[in-house]
C-alpha atoms as a PDB file:
ATOM      1  CA  MET A   1     -45.856 -60.889  -3.986  1.00  0.00           C
ATOM      2  CA  ALA A   2     -42.489 -59.232  -4.672  1.00  0.00           C
ATOM      3  CA  PHE A   3     -39.145 -60.778  -5.584  1.00  0.00           C
ATOM      4  CA  PRO A   4     -35.990 -58.639  -5.122  1.00  0.00           C
ATOM      5  CA  LYS A   5     -34.026 -58.331  -8.328  1.00  0.00           C
ATOM      6  CA  ASN A   6     -30.692 -59.141  -6.683  1.00  0.00           C
ATOM      7  CA  ILE A   7     -32.057 -62.449  -5.390  1.00  0.00           C
ATOM      8  CA  MET A   8     -33.594 -63.337  -8.751  1.00  0.00           C
ATOM      9  CA  GLU A   9     -30.258 -62.581 -10.443  1.00  0.00           C
ATOM     10  CA  ILE A  10     -28.729 -65.385  -8.379  1.00  0.00           C
ATOM     11  CA  HIS A  11     -31.460 -68.051  -8.477  1.00  0.00           C
ATOM     12  CA  GLU A  12     -33.022 -67.120 -11.853  1.00  0.00           C
ATOM     13  CA  ILE A  13     -36.188 -69.149 -11.230  1.00  0.00           C
ATOM     14  CA  VAL A  14     -38.764 -69.654  -8.474  1.00  0.00           C
ATOM     15  CA  ASN A  15     -41.645 -72.071  -7.937  1.00  0.00           C
ATOM     16  CA  MET A  16     -44.250 -71.104  -5.363  1.00  0.00           C
ATOM     17  CA  THR A  17     -47.945 -70.723  -4.601  1.00  0.00           C
ATOM     18  CA  ILE A  18     -49.441 -67.258  -5.109  1.00  0.00           C
ATOM     19  CA  GLY A  19     -53.144 -66.555  -4.694  1.00  0.00           C
ATOM     20  CA  GLY A  20     -53.924 -70.237  -4.456  1.00  0.00           C
ATOM     21  CA  ARG A  21     -52.240 -71.048  -7.786  1.00  0.00           C
ATOM     22  CA  ARG A  22     -48.901 -72.712  -8.354  1.00  0.00           C
ATOM     23  CA  VAL A  23     -46.587 -70.453 -10.347  1.00  0.00           C
ATOM     24  CA  GLY A  24     -43.173 -70.900 -11.947  1.00  0.00           C
ATOM     25  CA  MET A  25     -41.250 -67.702 -12.654  1.00  0.00           C
ATOM     26  CA  PRO A  26     -38.015 -67.708 -14.681  1.00  0.00           C
ATOM     27  CA  TYR A  27     -35.836 -64.597 -14.772  1.00  0.00           C
ATOM     28  CA  CYS A  28     -33.326 -64.144 -17.572  1.00  0.00           C
ATOM     29  CA  THR A  29     -30.665 -61.632 -16.591  1.00  0.00           C
ATOM     30  CA  LEU A  30     -29.273 -61.490 -20.132  1.00  0.00           C
ATOM     31  CA  CYS A  31     -32.535 -60.395 -21.714  1.00  0.00           C
ATOM     32  CA  GLY A  32     -33.942 -58.382 -18.800  1.00  0.00           C
ATOM     33  CA  SER A  33     -37.061 -60.494 -18.641  1.00  0.00           C
ATOM     34  CA  ALA A  34     -39.095 -62.179 -15.918  1.00  0.00           C
ATOM     35  CA  GLN A  35     -42.122 -64.263 -16.807  1.00  0.00           C
ATOM     36  CA  ALA A  36     -44.693 -66.129 -14.742  1.00  0.00           C
ATOM     37  CA  TYR A  37     -46.441 -69.332 -15.756  1.00  0.00           C
ATOM     38  CA  LEU A  38     -49.252 -71.265 -14.109  1.00  0.00           C
ATOM     39  CA  THR A  39     -47.902 -74.752 -13.471  1.00  0.00           C
ATOM     40  CA  ASP A  40     -50.791 -76.499 -11.693  1.00  0.00           C
ATOM     41  CA  GLU A  41     -52.755 -77.475 -14.803  1.00  0.00           C
ATOM     42  CA  VAL A  42     -51.008 -80.780 -15.441  1.00  0.00           C
ATOM     43  CA  SER A  43     -51.504 -82.781 -18.645  1.00  0.00           C
ATOM     44  CA  GLN A  44     -53.204 -86.092 -17.987  1.00  0.00           C
ATOM     45  CA  GLU A  45     -51.250 -87.589 -20.883  1.00  0.00           C
ATOM     46  CA  VAL A  46     -47.921 -87.458 -19.033  1.00  0.00           C
ATOM     47  CA  ASP A  47     -46.867 -89.173 -15.794  1.00  0.00           C
ATOM     48  CA  ILE A  48     -45.102 -86.677 -13.523  1.00  0.00           C
ATOM     49  CA  SER A  49     -44.408 -89.107 -10.666  1.00  0.00           C
ATOM     50  CA  ASP A  50     -47.566 -88.446  -8.629  1.00  0.00           C
ATOM     51  CA  ALA A  51     -46.841 -84.709  -8.464  1.00  0.00           C
ATOM     52  CA  ASP A  52     -49.777 -82.374  -8.921  1.00  0.00           C
ATOM     53  CA  THR A  53     -47.803 -79.494 -10.434  1.00  0.00           C
ATOM     54  CA  TYR A  54     -44.968 -78.928 -12.864  1.00  0.00           C
ATOM     55  CA  GLU A  55     -41.683 -77.730 -11.380  1.00  0.00           C
ATOM     56  CA  LEU A  56     -39.597 -75.447 -13.539  1.00  0.00           C
ATOM     57  CA  ARG A  57     -35.812 -75.432 -13.316  1.00  0.00           C
ATOM     58  CA  THR A  58     -33.015 -73.551 -15.056  1.00  0.00           C
ATOM     59  CA  SER A  59     -30.791 -75.633 -17.333  1.00  0.00           C
ATOM     60  CA  GLY A  60     -27.772 -73.325 -17.534  1.00  0.00           C
ATOM     61  CA  LEU A  61     -28.174 -73.295 -21.322  1.00  0.00           C
ATOM     62  CA  LEU A  62     -29.057 -70.372 -23.584  1.00  0.00           C
ATOM     63  CA  SER A  63     -31.075 -69.913 -26.756  1.00  0.00           C
ATOM     64  CA  ARG A  64     -30.362 -66.588 -28.484  1.00  0.00           C
ATOM     65  CA  SER A  65     -29.149 -65.227 -25.124  1.00  0.00           C
ATOM     66  CA  ASN A  66     -32.352 -66.322 -23.393  1.00  0.00           C
ATOM     67  CA  LYS A  67     -32.213 -68.812 -20.555  1.00  0.00           C
ATOM     68  CA  VAL A  68     -33.490 -72.323 -21.265  1.00  0.00           C
ATOM     69  CA  MET A  69     -35.750 -73.859 -18.628  1.00  0.00           C
ATOM     70  CA  TYR A  70     -36.975 -77.402 -18.188  1.00  0.00           C
ATOM     71  CA  GLU A  71     -39.607 -79.272 -16.187  1.00  0.00           C
ATOM     72  CA  PHE A  72     -38.031 -81.320 -13.398  1.00  0.00           C
ATOM     73  CA  HIS A  73     -40.289 -84.413 -13.397  1.00  0.00           C
ATOM     74  CA  THR A  74     -40.284 -85.053 -17.143  1.00  0.00           C
ATOM     75  CA  ARG A  75     -37.007 -83.350 -18.188  1.00  0.00           C
ATOM     76  CA  SER A  76     -39.005 -81.591 -20.888  1.00  0.00           C
ATOM     77  CA  VAL A  77     -37.383 -78.418 -22.221  1.00  0.00           C
ATOM     78  CA  PHE A  78     -39.452 -75.254 -22.609  1.00  0.00           C
ATOM     79  CA  ASP A  79     -39.188 -72.121 -24.692  1.00  0.00           C
ATOM     80  CA  THR A  80     -38.935 -69.668 -21.807  1.00  0.00           C
ATOM     81  CA  PHE A  81     -40.411 -66.790 -23.802  1.00  0.00           C
ATOM     82  CA  THR A  82     -43.524 -68.620 -25.011  1.00  0.00           C
ATOM     83  CA  GLY A  83     -44.057 -71.284 -22.340  1.00  0.00           C
ATOM     84  CA  GLU A  84     -44.206 -73.952 -25.025  1.00  0.00           C
ATOM     85  CA  ALA A  85     -42.590 -77.354 -24.465  1.00  0.00           C
ATOM     86  CA  VAL A  86     -40.016 -77.963 -27.213  1.00  0.00           C
ATOM     87  CA  SER A  87     -38.720 -81.404 -26.247  1.00  0.00           C
ATOM     88  CA  GLY A  88     -39.607 -84.414 -24.127  1.00  0.00           C
ATOM     89  CA  PRO A  89     -42.957 -85.885 -23.076  1.00  0.00           C
ATOM     90  CA  LEU A  90     -44.559 -82.489 -22.546  1.00  0.00           C
ATOM     91  CA  ARG A  91     -43.781 -81.503 -26.132  1.00  0.00           C
ATOM     92  CA  GLU A  92     -45.374 -84.729 -27.327  1.00  0.00           C
ATOM     93  CA  ALA A  93     -48.430 -83.858 -25.245  1.00  0.00           C
ATOM     94  CA  GLY A  94     -48.543 -80.366 -26.789  1.00  0.00           C
ATOM     95  CA  VAL A  95     -48.160 -78.575 -23.455  1.00  0.00           C
ATOM     96  CA  LYS A  96     -48.042 -74.779 -23.480  1.00  0.00           C
ATOM     97  CA  LEU A  97     -48.048 -73.080 -20.079  1.00  0.00           C
ATOM     98  CA  GLU A  98     -50.474 -70.231 -19.419  1.00  0.00           C
ATOM     99  CA  GLN A  99     -48.640 -66.975 -18.838  1.00  0.00           C
ATOM    100  CA  VAL A 100     -49.654 -64.330 -16.294  1.00  0.00           C
ATOM    101  CA  THR A 101     -48.419 -60.777 -15.813  1.00  0.00           C
ATOM    102  CA  VAL A 102     -45.103 -59.884 -14.171  1.00  0.00           C
ATOM    103  CA  GLN A 103     -44.432 -56.238 -13.293  1.00  0.00           C
ATOM    104  CA  THR A 104     -41.011 -54.634 -13.038  1.00  0.00           C
ATOM    105  CA  SER A 105     -41.150 -51.951 -10.348  1.00  0.00           C
ATOM    106  CA  THR A 106     -39.174 -50.153  -7.680  1.00  0.00           C
ATOM    107  CA  TRP A 107     -39.844 -51.412  -4.163  1.00  0.00           C
ATOM    108  CA  ARG A 108     -40.992 -47.974  -2.959  1.00  0.00           C
ATOM    109  CA  GLU A 109     -43.694 -47.637  -5.607  1.00  0.00           C
ATOM    110  CA  TRP A 110     -44.779 -51.261  -5.361  1.00  0.00           C
ATOM    111  CA  LYS A 111     -45.079 -51.091  -1.568  1.00  0.00           C
ATOM    112  CA  ALA A 112     -47.073 -47.847  -1.824  1.00  0.00           C
ATOM    113  CA  ALA A 113     -49.494 -49.416  -4.298  1.00  0.00           C
ATOM    114  CA  TYR A 114     -49.748 -52.734  -2.407  1.00  0.00           C
ATOM    115  CA  PRO A 115     -49.039 -52.023   1.292  1.00  0.00           C
ATOM    116  CA  SER A 116     -49.905 -55.572   2.384  1.00  0.00           C
ATOM    117  CA  THR A 117     -47.569 -57.182  -0.150  1.00  0.00           C
ATOM    118  CA  GLN A 118     -45.226 -59.991   0.846  1.00  0.00           C
ATOM    119  CA  ILE A 119     -41.584 -60.019  -0.224  1.00  0.00           C
ATOM    120  CA  VAL A 120     -38.937 -62.725  -0.225  1.00  0.00           C
ATOM    121  CA  ALA A 121     -36.764 -62.469   2.899  1.00  0.00           C
ATOM    122  CA  GLU A 122     -33.497 -60.555   2.642  1.00  0.00           C
ATOM    123  CA  ASP A 123     -31.596 -63.791   3.220  1.00  0.00           C
ATOM    124  CA  GLY A 124     -33.833 -65.709   0.802  1.00  0.00           C
ATOM    125  CA  GLY A 125     -35.249 -67.637   3.753  1.00  0.00           C
ATOM    126  CA  ILE A 126     -32.140 -69.831   3.731  1.00  0.00           C
ATOM    127  CA  GLY A 127     -29.665 -67.681   5.662  1.00  0.00           C
ATOM    128  CA  ARG A 128     -27.780 -66.616   2.555  1.00  0.00           C
ATOM    129  CA  THR A 129     -26.135 -63.247   1.942  1.00  0.00           C
ATOM    130  CA  TYR A 130     -26.968 -61.569  -1.360  1.00  0.00           C
ATOM    131  CA  SER A 131     -24.938 -58.782  -2.923  1.00  0.00           C
ATOM    132  CA  GLU A 132     -26.900 -55.635  -3.779  1.00  0.00           C
ATOM    133  CA  ASP A 133     -25.548 -55.859  -7.351  1.00  0.00           C
ATOM    134  CA  PRO A 134     -24.498 -59.423  -8.201  1.00  0.00           C
ATOM    135  CA  LEU A 135     -23.918 -58.658 -11.901  1.00  0.00           C
ATOM    136  CA  GLN A 136     -21.779 -55.564 -11.258  1.00  0.00           C
ATOM    137  CA  GLY A 137     -22.631 -53.921 -14.574  1.00  0.00           C
ATOM    138  CA  ARG A 138     -22.009 -57.060 -16.604  1.00  0.00           C
ATOM    139  CA  ASP A 139     -24.408 -56.074 -19.408  1.00  0.00           C
ATOM    140  CA  ASP A 140     -23.781 -52.315 -19.440  1.00  0.00           C
ATOM    141  CA  ASN A 141     -21.982 -52.440 -22.791  1.00  0.00           C
ATOM    142  CA  GLY A 142     -24.538 -54.653 -24.529  1.00  0.00           C
ATOM    143  CA  PRO A 143     -25.211 -58.406 -24.775  1.00  0.00           C
ATOM    144  CA  ILE A 144     -22.229 -60.535 -23.869  1.00  0.00           C
ATOM    145  CA  PHE A 145     -23.333 -63.579 -25.911  1.00  0.00           C
ATOM    146  CA  PRO A 146     -24.524 -63.913 -29.525  1.00  0.00           C
ATOM    147  CA  ILE A 147     -28.126 -62.810 -30.040  1.00  0.00           C
ATOM    148  CA  GLY A 148     -28.658 -63.444 -33.746  1.00  0.00           C
ATOM    149  CA  ASP A 149     -30.276 -61.030 -36.183  1.00  0.00           C
ATOM    150  CA  VAL A 150     -32.035 -58.190 -34.341  1.00  0.00           C
ATOM    151  CA  ASP A 151     -35.037 -56.183 -35.500  1.00  0.00           C
ATOM    152  CA  PRO A 152     -33.504 -52.734 -36.190  1.00  0.00           C
ATOM    153  CA  ARG A 153     -36.565 -50.718 -35.174  1.00  0.00           C
ATOM    154  CA  LEU A 154     -35.213 -50.349 -31.609  1.00  0.00           C
ATOM    155  CA  GLY A 155     -31.910 -50.638 -29.795  1.00  0.00           C
ATOM    156  CA  VAL A 156     -31.058 -54.153 -28.705  1.00  0.00           C
ATOM    157  CA  GLN A 157     -31.396 -53.417 -24.976  1.00  0.00           C
ATOM    158  CA  GLN A 158     -34.329 -51.026 -25.166  1.00  0.00           C
ATOM    159  CA  SER A 159     -36.972 -52.165 -22.708  1.00  0.00           C
ATOM    160  CA  VAL A 160     -40.409 -53.039 -24.039  1.00  0.00           C
ATOM    161  CA  ILE A 161     -43.660 -54.270 -22.519  1.00  0.00           C
ATOM    162  CA  GLY A 162     -44.704 -57.312 -24.506  1.00  0.00           C
ATOM    163  CA  VAL A 163     -48.204 -58.673 -24.991  1.00  0.00           C
ATOM    164  CA  VAL A 164     -49.532 -61.539 -27.124  1.00  0.00           C
ATOM    165  CA  LEU A 165     -53.174 -61.091 -28.114  1.00  0.00           C
ATOM    166  CA  ASP A 166     -55.676 -63.944 -28.077  1.00  0.00           C
ATOM    167  CA  ASP A 167     -55.321 -64.321 -31.845  1.00  0.00           C
ATOM    168  CA  GLY A 168     -51.556 -64.760 -31.455  1.00  0.00           C
ATOM    169  CA  THR A 169     -50.579 -61.245 -32.554  1.00  0.00           C
ATOM    170  CA  PRO A 170     -47.562 -59.954 -30.573  1.00  0.00           C
ATOM    171  CA  VAL A 171     -47.515 -56.276 -29.600  1.00  0.00           C
ATOM    172  CA  ALA A 172     -44.678 -54.407 -27.882  1.00  0.00           C
ATOM    173  CA  PHE A 173     -44.794 -51.007 -26.187  1.00  0.00           C
ATOM    174  CA  VAL A 174     -41.581 -49.033 -25.685  1.00  0.00           C
ATOM    175  CA  ALA A 175     -41.444 -48.813 -21.882  1.00  0.00           C
ATOM    176  CA  ALA A 176     -39.851 -45.348 -21.629  1.00  0.00           C
ATOM    177  CA  ASP A 177     -42.343 -43.854 -24.073  1.00  0.00           C
ATOM    178  CA  ALA A 178     -45.247 -45.549 -22.320  1.00  0.00           C
ATOM    179  CA  ARG A 179     -44.114 -44.152 -18.961  1.00  0.00           C
ATOM    180  CA  ALA A 180     -43.807 -40.633 -20.364  1.00  0.00           C
ATOM    181  CA  ALA A 181     -47.240 -40.791 -21.980  1.00  0.00           C
ATOM    182  CA  LEU A 182     -48.964 -42.187 -18.897  1.00  0.00           C
ATOM    183  CA  ASP A 183     -47.290 -39.651 -16.600  1.00  0.00           C
ATOM    184  CA  ALA A 184     -48.607 -36.930 -18.907  1.00  0.00           C
ATOM    185  CA  GLY A 185     -52.121 -38.298 -18.556  1.00  0.00           C
ATOM    186  CA  ASN A 186     -52.319 -39.790 -22.043  1.00  0.00           C
ATOM    187  CA  ASP A 187     -53.633 -43.196 -23.065  1.00  0.00           C
ATOM    188  CA  VAL A 188     -51.227 -45.858 -24.292  1.00  0.00           C
ATOM    189  CA  ALA A 189     -53.135 -48.146 -26.615  1.00  0.00           C
ATOM    190  CA  PHE A 190     -52.564 -50.180 -29.747  1.00  0.00           C
ATOM    191  CA  GLY A 191     -55.550 -51.778 -31.401  1.00  0.00           C
ATOM    192  CA  ASP A 192     -57.630 -53.457 -28.695  1.00  0.00           C
ATOM    193  CA  VAL A 193     -54.970 -53.456 -25.952  1.00  0.00           C
ATOM    194  CA  ARG A 194     -53.775 -50.696 -23.647  1.00  0.00           C
ATOM    195  CA  ILE A 195     -51.046 -50.331 -21.060  1.00  0.00           C
ATOM    196  CA  VAL A 196     -51.887 -49.243 -17.516  1.00  0.00           C
ATOM    197  CA  SER A 197     -49.516 -47.846 -14.885  1.00  0.00           C
ATOM    198  CA  ASP A 198     -49.406 -49.986 -11.744  1.00  0.00           C
ATOM    199  CA  GLY A 199     -46.930 -49.115  -8.999  1.00  0.00           C
ATOM    200  CA  ASP A 200     -43.808 -48.158 -10.938  1.00  0.00           C
ATOM    201  CA  GLY A 201     -44.524 -50.878 -13.488  1.00  0.00           C
ATOM    202  CA  PHE A 202     -47.120 -51.742 -16.091  1.00  0.00           C
ATOM    203  CA  THR A 203     -50.030 -54.070 -16.652  1.00  0.00           C
ATOM    204  CA  ALA A 204     -51.981 -54.643 -19.861  1.00  0.00           C
ATOM    205  CA  GLU A 205     -55.679 -54.946 -20.500  1.00  0.00           C
ATOM    206  CA  MET A 206     -58.080 -55.109 -23.383  1.00  0.00           C
ATOM    207  CA  LEU A 207     -60.148 -52.021 -24.073  1.00  0.00           C
ATOM    208  CA  ASP A 208     -63.110 -53.706 -22.361  1.00  0.00           C
ATOM    209  CA  GLY A 209     -61.049 -53.960 -19.149  1.00  0.00           C
ATOM    210  CA  ASP A 210     -60.211 -57.673 -19.327  1.00  0.00           C
ATOM    211  CA  PRO A 211     -56.597 -58.264 -18.207  1.00  0.00           C
ATOM    212  CA  ILE A 212     -54.052 -59.788 -20.554  1.00  0.00           C
ATOM    213  CA  ALA A 213     -50.622 -61.199 -19.638  1.00  0.00           C
ATOM    214  CA  ALA A 214     -47.661 -58.855 -20.125  1.00  0.00           C
ATOM    215  CA  HIS A 215     -44.014 -58.586 -19.121  1.00  0.00           C
ATOM    216  CA  GLN A 216     -40.974 -56.413 -19.821  1.00  0.00           C
ATOM    217  CA  ALA A 217     -37.920 -57.541 -21.757  1.00  0.00           C
ATOM    218  CA  PHE A 218     -35.053 -56.213 -23.818  1.00  0.00           C
ATOM    219  CA  TRP A 219     -36.096 -55.648 -27.415  1.00  0.00           C
ATOM    220  CA  PHE A 220     -33.572 -58.096 -28.865  1.00  0.00           C
ATOM    221  CA  ALA A 221     -35.116 -60.934 -26.904  1.00  0.00           C
ATOM    222  CA  TRP A 222     -38.776 -60.075 -27.413  1.00  0.00           C
ATOM    223  CA  SER A 223     -38.379 -59.420 -31.148  1.00  0.00           C
ATOM    224  CA  GLN A 224     -36.481 -62.649 -31.828  1.00  0.00           C
ATOM    225  CA  PHE A 225     -39.066 -64.842 -30.155  1.00  0.00           C
ATOM    226  CA  HIS A 226     -41.905 -62.753 -31.610  1.00  0.00           C
ATOM    227  CA  PRO A 227     -40.529 -61.638 -35.003  1.00  0.00           C
ATOM    228  CA  ASP A 228     -43.834 -60.260 -36.335  1.00  0.00           C
ATOM    229  CA  THR A 229     -44.333 -57.884 -33.411  1.00  0.00           C
ATOM    230  CA  LEU A 230     -46.410 -54.740 -33.894  1.00  0.00           C
ATOM    231  CA  LEU A 231     -44.675 -51.833 -32.204  1.00  0.00           C
ATOM    232  CA  TRP A 232     -45.969 -48.855 -30.229  1.00  0.00           C
ATOM    233  CA  PRO A 233     -45.181 -46.131 -30.955  1.00  0.00           C
ATOM    234  CA  ALA A 234     -44.834 -47.010 -34.629  1.00  0.00           C
ATOM    235  CA  SER A 235     -41.324 -46.378 -35.967  1.00  0.00           C
END
């Protein structure tokens, strides 16, 4: 399934069924990050008004220049970067959404890799007209809102592929360096995880081939929500 960037820049979040699973996908334009969370594993400790899935919405608020999302039925606020409920009934129930991989890719390369893919209609399915570039270079000169203290190992808007290992260790791969290495036929690996080229984007897997959730983001955002990140290549 593919979501055009210009449509996501307007709506910033989608809820839909993909591969038989219900998925919520927030997109933060300020931090260059889309994430996908499984939302059909509902806590039995919380009444969500007879619904069988969480429904994620955008609040219009920011935390360190990252969008703040909430769950519609319970009004519980979530940390968008970690999928962890930080307020409301879902926080009290200890809910943390399971994250799955989102790839950032050009349409040409994605379509070539997945010829039977589906894509959101040009009019969004609602008869709307979407500009090709809704932001019109808004972030070209850097973040437009405060972002707090930034890890100096990379530039604030350098794109990284972020992964959190099963033991909670965060690892980030510099996207441009990973692309250059993969195009040259080299492995991109750090510890037990490696990055794989897929379409024009990236996926992550353990060295035994088991997939692990990954997504791209600007360094300032990833490093602030994962301050102990291990970085490839090492600086």
